[in-house]
């Protein structure tokens, strides 16, 4: 994939992520029993975020170009200390933090956001083509939530 196509793909991923989970986008009919599916489409590109669970969850995001998968990311997240943070609090902090990162036109790590006594941190290595990363929320000095993710281009 040439650099112009990669730039367009990157911009689409940021836009789709901002419009779905972070933007409280409408849920679509799930393709798999028990899944929560969020979809976004623009031109020849479409995005599907499909996950299972709530405070502990697993999911996958896939971008399709004209119906063919071209990029994907898998993730697993969980509340580590439910007595210190609720799933709803973690979700609000994640949405607030990611909306700030997406406003910078990116979705990969090297990002930190502080709100009150909560700190959100995202770190990753690699780029759009192949990456691995993690995010966490700390209350004070203690990690109370974490997520690991990895993904990249899909080449047939």
Foldseek 3Di string as FASTA:
>chain_A
DDPVVVLVVLLVVLVQVCQWLLVVHDWDDDPDPQWTWTKDDDPQKIKIWIWHDFQWIKIKMFIGGNNHTWKMKIKTKHFAACVVDPSVRVSVVVSVQSNVVSVVSGRAAPGWDDDPQKIKHKHKDDDQAWIKIKIFIARNPHTGMMMIMIMHTDDD
